[in-house]
Amino acid sequence: MSDLRAELTEILDEAEWEWLIPHVQRDAVILVALKLNLVDVGEAIASDNIPSVQQWIDEQLITKPSPVQVGEWNSDRTKRFHTLIVQPYVLVQEIAAA
């Protein structure tokens, strides 16, 4: 495992929606599709793997949260996300409700 991958794996965390709101307001949150591995995406962004990142963007597997999603999440501020900080971004994946 690369040092970068190990570092990203170590900082993988969870956060409630309310904690992410300031990052959404500064346009720093990137929503990652559930079918992608959050660490893989973080590693690609951190290492400037443009082909992979561009493909995910083209396939809408990584996106900015839509106004509709933000509205839904605002109605449930305890909603939780897997999170990974790759400066200046906060990568998030929804955690399905139990």
C-alpha atoms as a PDB file:
ATOM      1  CA  MET A   1       0.000   0.000   0.000  1.00  0.00           C
ATOM      2  CA  SER A   2       1.385   3.403  -0.914  1.00  0.00           C
ATOM      3  CA  ASP A   3       2.081   5.945   1.806  1.00  0.00           C
ATOM      4  CA  LEU A   4      -0.619   8.197   0.328  1.00  0.00           C
ATOM      5  CA  ARG A   5      -3.187   5.386   0.340  1.00  0.00           C
ATOM      6  CA  ALA A   6      -2.293   4.451   3.917  1.00  0.00           C
ATOM      7  CA  GLU A   7      -2.599   8.080   5.004  1.00  0.00           C
ATOM      8  CA  LEU A   8      -5.981   8.487   3.299  1.00  0.00           C
ATOM      9  CA  THR A   9      -7.255   5.212   4.776  1.00  0.00           C
ATOM     10  CA  GLU A  10      -6.243   6.445   8.213  1.00  0.00           C
ATOM     11  CA  ILE A  11      -8.156   9.742   7.896  1.00  0.00           C
ATOM     12  CA  LEU A  12     -11.331   8.168   6.489  1.00  0.00           C
ATOM     13  CA  ASP A  13     -14.110   9.162   8.864  1.00  0.00           C
ATOM     14  CA  GLU A  14     -17.830   9.749   9.318  1.00  0.00           C
ATOM     15  CA  ALA A  15     -19.618  13.058   9.738  1.00  0.00           C
ATOM     16  CA  GLU A  16     -23.136  14.283  10.274  1.00  0.00           C
ATOM     17  CA  TRP A  17     -24.629  16.524   7.596  1.00  0.00           C
ATOM     18  CA  GLU A  18     -24.657  19.494   9.956  1.00  0.00           C
ATOM     19  CA  TRP A  19     -20.842  19.320  10.219  1.00  0.00           C
ATOM     20  CA  LEU A  20     -20.535  19.415   6.419  1.00  0.00           C
ATOM     21  CA  ILE A  21     -22.726  22.483   5.818  1.00  0.00           C
ATOM     22  CA  PRO A  22     -19.855  25.035   6.093  1.00  0.00           C
ATOM     23  CA  HIS A  23     -17.885  23.045   3.510  1.00  0.00           C
ATOM     24  CA  VAL A  24     -20.885  22.974   1.143  1.00  0.00           C
ATOM     25  CA  GLN A  25     -21.227  26.727   1.572  1.00  0.00           C
ATOM     26  CA  ARG A  26     -17.618  27.207   0.401  1.00  0.00           C
ATOM     27  CA  ASP A  27     -18.252  24.806  -2.528  1.00  0.00           C
ATOM     28  CA  ALA A  28     -15.713  22.259  -1.292  1.00  0.00           C
ATOM     29  CA  VAL A  29     -17.862  19.115  -0.989  1.00  0.00           C
ATOM     30  CA  ILE A  30     -17.661  16.430  -3.653  1.00  0.00           C
ATOM     31  CA  LEU A  31     -20.280  13.687  -3.565  1.00  0.00           C
ATOM     32  CA  VAL A  32     -18.857  10.276  -4.489  1.00  0.00           C
ATOM     33  CA  ALA A  33     -21.147   7.536  -5.847  1.00  0.00           C
ATOM     34  CA  LEU A  34     -21.576   4.493  -3.637  1.00  0.00           C
ATOM     35  CA  LYS A  35     -20.144   2.209  -6.317  1.00  0.00           C
ATOM     36  CA  LEU A  36     -16.746   3.944  -6.000  1.00  0.00           C
ATOM     37  CA  ASN A  37     -14.239   3.414  -3.215  1.00  0.00           C
ATOM     38  CA  LEU A  38     -13.770   6.682  -1.345  1.00  0.00           C
ATOM     39  CA  VAL A  39     -10.046   6.056  -0.785  1.00  0.00           C
ATOM     40  CA  ASP A  40      -9.541   5.289  -4.499  1.00  0.00           C
ATOM     41  CA  VAL A  41     -11.147   8.607  -5.413  1.00  0.00           C
ATOM     42  CA  GLY A  42      -9.157  10.497  -2.799  1.00  0.00           C
ATOM     43  CA  GLU A  43      -5.926   8.931  -4.014  1.00  0.00           C
ATOM     44  CA  ALA A  44      -6.720   9.812  -7.640  1.00  0.00           C
ATOM     45  CA  ILE A  45      -7.482  13.439  -6.737  1.00  0.00           C
ATOM     46  CA  ALA A  46      -4.440  13.820  -4.474  1.00  0.00           C
ATOM     47  CA  SER A  47      -2.094  12.344  -7.094  1.00  0.00           C
ATOM     48  CA  ASP A  48      -3.606  14.356  -9.994  1.00  0.00           C
ATOM     49  CA  ASN A  49      -4.801  11.239 -11.832  1.00  0.00           C
ATOM     50  CA  ILE A  50      -6.683  13.359 -14.348  1.00  0.00           C
ATOM     51  CA  PRO A  51      -7.905  10.504 -16.617  1.00  0.00           C
ATOM     52  CA  SER A  52      -9.620   8.657 -13.748  1.00  0.00           C
ATOM     53  CA  VAL A  53     -11.079  11.787 -12.200  1.00  0.00           C
ATOM     54  CA  GLN A  54     -12.325  13.065 -15.565  1.00  0.00           C
ATOM     55  CA  GLN A  55     -13.964   9.707 -16.316  1.00  0.00           C
ATOM     56  CA  TRP A  56     -15.784   9.752 -12.968  1.00  0.00           C
ATOM     57  CA  ILE A  57     -16.931  13.313 -13.616  1.00  0.00           C
ATOM     58  CA  ASP A  58     -18.108  12.399 -17.121  1.00  0.00           C
ATOM     59  CA  GLU A  59     -20.030   9.413 -15.733  1.00  0.00           C
ATOM     60  CA  GLN A  60     -21.434  11.604 -12.922  1.00  0.00           C
ATOM     61  CA  LEU A  61     -19.901   9.320 -10.311  1.00  0.00           C
ATOM     62  CA  ILE A  62     -18.340  12.315  -8.585  1.00  0.00           C
ATOM     63  CA  THR A  63     -20.422  15.489  -8.476  1.00  0.00           C
ATOM     64  CA  LYS A  64     -21.160  18.572  -6.460  1.00  0.00           C
ATOM     65  CA  PRO A  65     -24.281  18.092  -4.319  1.00  0.00           C
ATOM     66  CA  SER A  66     -27.380  19.325  -6.133  1.00  0.00           C
ATOM     67  CA  PRO A  67     -29.740  21.885  -4.557  1.00  0.00           C
ATOM     68  CA  VAL A  68     -32.313  19.072  -4.230  1.00  0.00           C
ATOM     69  CA  GLN A  69     -29.856  16.841  -2.337  1.00  0.00           C
ATOM     70  CA  VAL A  70     -28.821  19.708  -0.076  1.00  0.00           C
ATOM     71  CA  GLY A  71     -32.494  20.406   0.652  1.00  0.00           C
ATOM     72  CA  GLU A  72     -33.129  16.764   1.546  1.00  0.00           C
ATOM     73  CA  TRP A  73     -30.068  16.652   3.781  1.00  0.00           C
ATOM     74  CA  ASN A  74     -31.052  19.933   5.463  1.00  0.00           C
ATOM     75  CA  SER A  75     -34.301  18.264   6.534  1.00  0.00           C
ATOM     76  CA  ASP A  76     -32.287  15.533   8.301  1.00  0.00           C
ATOM     77  CA  ARG A  77     -29.260  17.190   9.846  1.00  0.00           C
ATOM     78  CA  THR A  78     -28.265  13.974  11.614  1.00  0.00           C
ATOM     79  CA  LYS A  79     -27.807  12.176   8.284  1.00  0.00           C
ATOM     80  CA  ARG A  80     -24.350  10.611   8.218  1.00  0.00           C
ATOM     81  CA  PHE A  81     -21.695  10.436   5.517  1.00  0.00           C
ATOM     82  CA  HIS A  82     -18.380   8.714   5.051  1.00  0.00           C
ATOM     83  CA  THR A  83     -15.867  11.520   4.643  1.00  0.00           C
ATOM     84  CA  LEU A  84     -12.349  11.973   3.376  1.00  0.00           C
ATOM     85  CA  ILE A  85     -10.516  15.286   3.342  1.00  0.00           C
ATOM     86  CA  VAL A  86      -8.275  15.846   0.331  1.00  0.00           C
ATOM     87  CA  GLN A  87      -7.453  19.539   0.511  1.00  0.00           C
ATOM     88  CA  PRO A  88      -9.168  21.694  -0.552  1.00  0.00           C
ATOM     89  CA  TYR A  89     -12.030  19.204  -0.934  1.00  0.00           C
ATOM     90  CA  VAL A  90     -14.166  17.146   1.393  1.00  0.00           C
ATOM     91  CA  LEU A  91     -15.180  13.914  -0.337  1.00  0.00           C
ATOM     92  CA  VAL A  92     -18.429  12.432   0.965  1.00  0.00           C
ATOM     93  CA  GLN A  93     -20.507   9.312   0.449  1.00  0.00           C
ATOM     94  CA  GLU A  94     -23.988   8.914   1.831  1.00  0.00           C
ATOM     95  CA  ILE A  95     -24.478   6.281   4.492  1.00  0.00           C
ATOM     96  CA  ALA A  96     -27.768   4.476   3.907  1.00  0.00           C
ATOM     97  CA  ALA A  97     -30.313   4.824   6.699  1.00  0.00           C
ATOM     98  CA  ALA A  98     -30.566   1.704   8.828  1.00  0.00           C
END
